[in-house]
Amino acid sequence: MIQDSVAYLRSKKLEVIYDAEHFFDGFRANRDYALKTLEAAFDGGASYLTLCDTNGGSIPTQITDAVRGVTVALPRVKLGIHTHNDPAARWPMPWPPSTPAARWCRGW
């Protein structure tokens, strides 16, 4: 369904940025499935894949590990990252040095 939806939008000459909501939670729970969703969006033609820490519960090392896992599994994708600081952690979110593969970052 992801690949078909992205491909449909691309067929209409639209740019698609795939927002993988809850990605970091999903990656920790089921890495293979989380990667398959990204691969489907990429195969459908998404310009960027945005990895989202939707509920703000990830710490920088978890984000780094997941981003590294994505870049190893899908080396040709263009990544973005969208994080939150919901737990009011002492570190800023996003923490760009922890996400060197991300081409753009957005945080709250």
N, C-alpha and C. Protein backbone atom coordinates (compact mmCIF):
# COMPACT_ATOMS: atom_id res chain seq x y z
N MET A 1 0.82 -1.19 0.00
CA MET A 1 0.00 0.00 0.00
C MET A 1 0.87 1.27 0.00
N ILE A 2 1.97 1.26 0.75
CA ILE A 2 2.85 2.43 0.78
C ILE A 2 3.43 2.69 -0.61
N GLN A 3 3.99 1.65 -1.20
CA GLN A 3 4.61 1.81 -2.51
C GLN A 3 3.60 2.28 -3.55
N ASP A 4 2.42 1.69 -3.54
CA ASP A 4 1.38 2.07 -4.50
C ASP A 4 0.94 3.53 -4.30
N SER A 5 0.79 3.95 -3.05
CA SER A 5 0.36 5.33 -2.77
C SER A 5 1.41 6.33 -3.24
N VAL A 6 2.66 6.04 -2.95
CA VAL A 6 3.74 6.95 -3.37
C VAL A 6 3.83 6.97 -4.90
N ALA A 7 3.77 5.80 -5.51
CA ALA A 7 3.86 5.73 -6.97
C ALA A 7 2.70 6.49 -7.63
N TYR A 8 1.52 6.42 -7.06
CA TYR A 8 0.38 7.15 -7.61
C TYR A 8 0.66 8.66 -7.59
N LEU A 9 1.13 9.16 -6.46
CA LEU A 9 1.42 10.59 -6.35
C LEU A 9 2.52 11.01 -7.31
N ARG A 10 3.53 10.17 -7.45
CA ARG A 10 4.61 10.46 -8.39
C ARG A 10 4.10 10.47 -9.83
N SER A 11 3.13 9.60 -10.13
CA SER A 11 2.57 9.58 -11.49
C SER A 11 1.84 10.88 -11.82
N LYS A 12 1.46 11.62 -10.79
CA LYS A 12 0.81 12.92 -10.97
C LYS A 12 1.84 14.05 -10.92
N LYS A 13 3.13 13.68 -11.00
CA LYS A 13 4.25 14.64 -11.04
C LYS A 13 4.41 15.41 -9.73
N LEU A 14 4.00 14.79 -8.62
CA LEU A 14 4.15 15.42 -7.31
C LEU A 14 5.40 14.90 -6.61
N GLU A 15 6.06 15.77 -5.87
CA GLU A 15 7.17 15.33 -5.05
C GLU A 15 6.59 14.69 -3.80
N VAL A 16 7.18 13.58 -3.37
CA VAL A 16 6.70 12.88 -2.19
C VAL A 16 7.81 12.82 -1.15
N ILE A 17 7.51 13.33 0.02
CA ILE A 17 8.38 13.17 1.18
C ILE A 17 7.63 12.25 2.13
N TYR A 18 8.16 11.06 2.30
CA TYR A 18 7.47 10.05 3.12
C TYR A 18 7.79 10.30 4.59
N ASP A 19 6.78 10.60 5.35
CA ASP A 19 6.91 10.85 6.79
C ASP A 19 6.62 9.56 7.53
N ALA A 20 7.66 8.90 8.00
CA ALA A 20 7.51 7.61 8.69
C ALA A 20 7.21 7.87 10.17
N GLU A 21 5.96 8.20 10.44
CA GLU A 21 5.55 8.49 11.83
C GLU A 21 5.80 7.26 12.73
N HIS A 22 6.21 7.52 13.94
CA HIS A 22 6.51 6.49 14.95
C HIS A 22 7.64 5.56 14.51
N PHE A 23 8.50 6.04 13.58
CA PHE A 23 9.54 5.17 13.04
C PHE A 23 10.46 4.60 14.12
N PHE A 24 10.93 5.43 15.03
CA PHE A 24 11.92 4.95 16.00
C PHE A 24 11.33 3.92 16.96
N ASP A 25 10.08 4.10 17.34
CA ASP A 25 9.41 3.08 18.15
C ASP A 25 9.27 1.79 17.35
N GLY A 26 8.85 1.92 16.10
CA GLY A 26 8.69 0.76 15.23
C GLY A 26 10.01 0.05 14.96
N PHE A 27 11.08 0.81 14.78
CA PHE A 27 12.39 0.23 14.53
C PHE A 27 12.85 -0.61 15.72
N ARG A 28 12.60 -0.10 16.92
CA ARG A 28 12.99 -0.87 18.12
C ARG A 28 12.11 -2.11 18.28
N ALA A 29 10.85 -2.02 17.90
CA ALA A 29 9.92 -3.15 18.08
C ALA A 29 10.08 -4.21 16.99
N ASN A 30 10.30 -3.77 15.75
CA ASN A 30 10.38 -4.72 14.63
C ASN A 30 11.19 -4.08 13.50
N ARG A 31 12.49 -4.19 13.64
CA ARG A 31 13.43 -3.55 12.72
C ARG A 31 13.14 -3.91 11.25
N ASP A 32 12.96 -5.19 10.97
CA ASP A 32 12.76 -5.63 9.58
C ASP A 32 11.52 -5.00 8.97
N TYR A 33 10.43 -4.98 9.72
CA TYR A 33 9.20 -4.39 9.18
C TYR A 33 9.37 -2.88 8.96
N ALA A 34 9.99 -2.21 9.93
CA ALA A 34 10.20 -0.77 9.79
C ALA A 34 11.02 -0.46 8.54
N LEU A 35 12.05 -1.24 8.28
CA LEU A 35 12.88 -1.04 7.09
C LEU A 35 12.09 -1.35 5.81
N LYS A 36 11.21 -2.34 5.86
CA LYS A 36 10.41 -2.67 4.68
C LYS A 36 9.46 -1.52 4.31
N THR A 37 8.94 -0.81 5.31
CA THR A 37 8.07 0.33 5.01
C THR A 37 8.85 1.43 4.30
N LEU A 38 10.09 1.67 4.74
CA LEU A 38 10.93 2.67 4.09
C LEU A 38 11.28 2.25 2.67
N GLU A 39 11.62 0.98 2.52
CA GLU A 39 11.97 0.47 1.20
C GLU A 39 10.79 0.61 0.23
N ALA A 40 9.59 0.36 0.72
CA ALA A 40 8.40 0.49 -0.12
C ALA A 40 8.22 1.94 -0.58
N ALA A 41 8.40 2.88 0.33
CA ALA A 41 8.27 4.29 -0.04
C ALA A 41 9.35 4.69 -1.04
N PHE A 42 10.57 4.24 -0.83
CA PHE A 42 11.66 4.53 -1.75
C PHE A 42 11.40 3.92 -3.12
N ASP A 43 10.98 2.67 -3.14
CA ASP A 43 10.70 2.00 -4.41
C ASP A 43 9.54 2.65 -5.16
N GLY A 44 8.62 3.26 -4.41
CA GLY A 44 7.51 3.96 -5.04
C GLY A 44 7.90 5.31 -5.61
N GLY A 45 9.08 5.80 -5.22
CA GLY A 45 9.58 7.05 -5.78
C GLY A 45 9.66 8.22 -4.82
N ALA A 46 9.57 7.99 -3.53
CA ALA A 46 9.67 9.09 -2.57
C ALA A 46 11.02 9.79 -2.70
N SER A 47 11.00 11.13 -2.67
CA SER A 47 12.23 11.91 -2.77
C SER A 47 13.05 11.85 -1.49
N TYR A 48 12.38 11.90 -0.37
CA TYR A 48 13.02 11.83 0.94
C TYR A 48 12.22 10.89 1.82
N LEU A 49 12.90 10.27 2.74
CA LEU A 49 12.26 9.47 3.78
C LEU A 49 12.55 10.18 5.10
N THR A 50 11.50 10.57 5.79
CA THR A 50 11.66 11.29 7.05
C THR A 50 11.40 10.33 8.20
N LEU A 51 12.41 10.15 9.03
CA LEU A 51 12.31 9.28 10.20
C LEU A 51 11.78 10.11 11.36
N CYS A 52 10.65 9.72 11.91
CA CYS A 52 9.97 10.52 12.92
C CYS A 52 9.99 9.87 14.29
N ASP A 53 10.34 10.67 15.28
CA ASP A 53 10.22 10.28 16.68
C ASP A 53 8.93 10.91 17.20
N THR A 54 7.82 10.39 16.74
CA THR A 54 6.52 11.02 16.91
C THR A 54 6.17 11.32 18.36
N ASN A 55 6.44 10.38 19.25
CA ASN A 55 6.05 10.62 20.65
C ASN A 55 7.18 11.21 21.48
N GLY A 56 8.34 11.44 20.88
CA GLY A 56 9.43 12.11 21.58
C GLY A 56 10.11 11.27 22.63
N GLY A 57 9.99 9.96 22.57
CA GLY A 57 10.54 9.12 23.61
C GLY A 57 11.92 8.55 23.35
N SER A 58 12.51 8.87 22.20
CA SER A 58 13.82 8.31 21.87
C SER A 58 14.94 9.19 22.41
N ILE A 59 16.01 8.55 22.84
CA ILE A 59 17.19 9.28 23.27
C ILE A 59 18.19 9.31 22.10
N PRO A 60 19.14 10.22 22.13
CA PRO A 60 20.04 10.37 20.99
C PRO A 60 20.74 9.09 20.54
N THR A 61 21.15 8.24 21.45
CA THR A 61 21.82 7.01 21.01
C THR A 61 20.87 6.09 20.25
N GLN A 62 19.60 6.07 20.64
CA GLN A 62 18.62 5.26 19.91
C GLN A 62 18.40 5.83 18.51
N ILE A 63 18.37 7.13 18.41
CA ILE A 63 18.21 7.77 17.10
C ILE A 63 19.42 7.46 16.22
N THR A 64 20.62 7.61 16.79
CA THR A 64 21.84 7.32 16.04
C THR A 64 21.85 5.88 15.56
N ASP A 65 21.53 4.94 16.42
CA ASP A 65 21.53 3.53 16.04
C ASP A 65 20.54 3.24 14.92
N ALA A 66 19.36 3.83 15.00
CA ALA A 66 18.34 3.60 13.97
C ALA A 66 18.75 4.23 12.64
N VAL A 67 19.24 5.46 12.68
CA VAL A 67 19.67 6.12 11.44
C VAL A 67 20.80 5.33 10.80
N ARG A 68 21.73 4.88 11.61
CA ARG A 68 22.83 4.06 11.08
C ARG A 68 22.29 2.77 10.46
N GLY A 69 21.32 2.15 11.11
CA GLY A 69 20.71 0.93 10.57
C GLY A 69 20.03 1.17 9.23
N VAL A 70 19.37 2.30 9.10
CA VAL A 70 18.71 2.63 7.83
C VAL A 70 19.74 2.87 6.74
N THR A 71 20.80 3.61 7.05
CA THR A 71 21.79 3.91 6.02
C THR A 71 22.55 2.67 5.57
N VAL A 72 22.70 1.70 6.44
CA VAL A 72 23.34 0.44 6.05
C VAL A 72 22.39 -0.38 5.18
N ALA A 73 21.14 -0.46 5.59
CA ALA A 73 20.16 -1.27 4.86
C ALA A 73 19.73 -0.63 3.54
N LEU A 74 19.64 0.69 3.51
CA LEU A 74 19.14 1.42 2.34
C LEU A 74 20.09 2.58 2.02
N PRO A 75 21.27 2.27 1.52
CA PRO A 75 22.29 3.31 1.37
C PRO A 75 21.98 4.41 0.35
N ARG A 76 21.05 4.20 -0.55
CA ARG A 76 20.79 5.21 -1.59
C ARG A 76 19.69 6.20 -1.21
N VAL A 77 19.05 6.03 -0.09
CA VAL A 77 17.93 6.92 0.25
C VAL A 77 18.42 8.26 0.77
N LYS A 78 17.60 9.29 0.57
CA LYS A 78 17.84 10.60 1.15
C LYS A 78 16.98 10.68 2.41
N LEU A 79 17.64 10.91 3.52
CA LEU A 79 16.94 10.89 4.81
C LEU A 79 16.74 12.28 5.38
N GLY A 80 15.64 12.41 6.09
CA GLY A 80 15.38 13.55 6.95
C GLY A 80 15.02 12.99 8.32
N ILE A 81 14.96 13.84 9.30
CA ILE A 81 14.62 13.39 10.65
C ILE A 81 13.71 14.44 11.30
N HIS A 82 12.76 13.96 12.06
CA HIS A 82 11.77 14.82 12.72
C HIS A 82 11.65 14.28 14.14
N THR A 83 12.10 15.06 15.09
CA THR A 83 12.10 14.60 16.49
C THR A 83 11.35 15.58 17.38
N HIS A 84 11.14 15.15 18.59
CA HIS A 84 10.49 15.97 19.61
C HIS A 84 11.30 15.90 20.88
N ASN A 85 11.04 16.79 21.79
CA ASN A 85 11.67 16.78 23.11
C ASN A 85 10.57 16.71 24.16
N ASP A 86 9.63 15.80 23.94
CA ASP A 86 8.49 15.69 24.86
C ASP A 86 8.88 15.37 26.30
N PRO A 87 9.92 14.55 26.52
CA PRO A 87 10.26 14.27 27.92
C PRO A 87 11.06 15.40 28.58
N ALA A 88 11.24 16.53 27.88
CA ALA A 88 12.01 17.68 28.40
C ALA A 88 13.41 17.23 28.82
N ALA A 89 14.03 16.48 27.94
CA ALA A 89 15.38 15.97 28.20
C ALA A 89 16.39 17.11 28.20
N ARG A 90 17.56 16.85 28.75
CA ARG A 90 18.58 17.89 28.81
C ARG A 90 19.29 18.07 27.48
N TRP A 91 19.18 17.11 26.58
CA TRP A 91 19.83 17.25 25.27
C TRP A 91 18.86 17.88 24.29
N PRO A 92 19.38 18.65 23.38
CA PRO A 92 18.49 19.24 22.36
C PRO A 92 18.05 18.18 21.36
N MET A 93 16.85 18.30 20.90
CA MET A 93 16.35 17.39 19.87
C MET A 93 15.98 18.22 18.66
N PRO A 94 16.39 17.93 17.48
CA PRO A 94 17.30 16.84 17.17
C PRO A 94 18.73 17.20 17.52
N TRP A 95 19.55 16.22 17.61
CA TRP A 95 20.96 16.41 17.91
C TRP A 95 21.74 16.07 16.65
N PRO A 96 21.99 17.04 15.79
CA PRO A 96 22.57 16.76 14.46
C PRO A 96 23.81 15.89 14.45
N PRO A 97 24.76 16.03 15.39
CA PRO A 97 25.93 15.14 15.31
C PRO A 97 25.57 13.67 15.43
N SER A 98 24.41 13.38 16.02
CA SER A 98 24.02 11.98 16.16
C SER A 98 23.33 11.45 14.92
N THR A 99 23.06 12.33 13.97
CA THR A 99 22.35 11.92 12.75
C THR A 99 23.08 12.40 11.51
N PRO A 100 24.33 12.00 11.32
CA PRO A 100 25.11 12.53 10.20
C PRO A 100 24.55 12.18 8.83
N ALA A 101 23.75 11.15 8.72
CA ALA A 101 23.22 10.76 7.42
C ALA A 101 21.99 11.57 7.04
N ALA A 102 21.37 12.24 7.99
CA ALA A 102 20.17 13.01 7.69
C ALA A 102 20.55 14.29 6.95
N ARG A 103 19.88 14.53 5.84
CA ARG A 103 20.15 15.73 5.05
C ARG A 103 19.42 16.95 5.59
N TRP A 104 18.39 16.73 6.38
CA TRP A 104 17.71 17.83 7.03
C TRP A 104 17.09 17.36 8.32
N CYS A 105 16.96 18.27 9.27
CA CYS A 105 16.42 17.94 10.59
C CYS A 105 15.33 18.95 10.94
N ARG A 106 14.33 18.45 11.65
CA ARG A 106 13.26 19.29 12.14
C ARG A 106 12.91 18.82 13.53
N GLY A 107 12.82 19.70 14.47
CA GLY A 107 12.49 19.31 15.83
C GLY A 107 11.61 20.33 16.50
N TRP A 108 11.02 19.95 17.59
CA TRP A 108 10.14 20.84 18.35
C TRP A 108 10.75 21.12 19.67
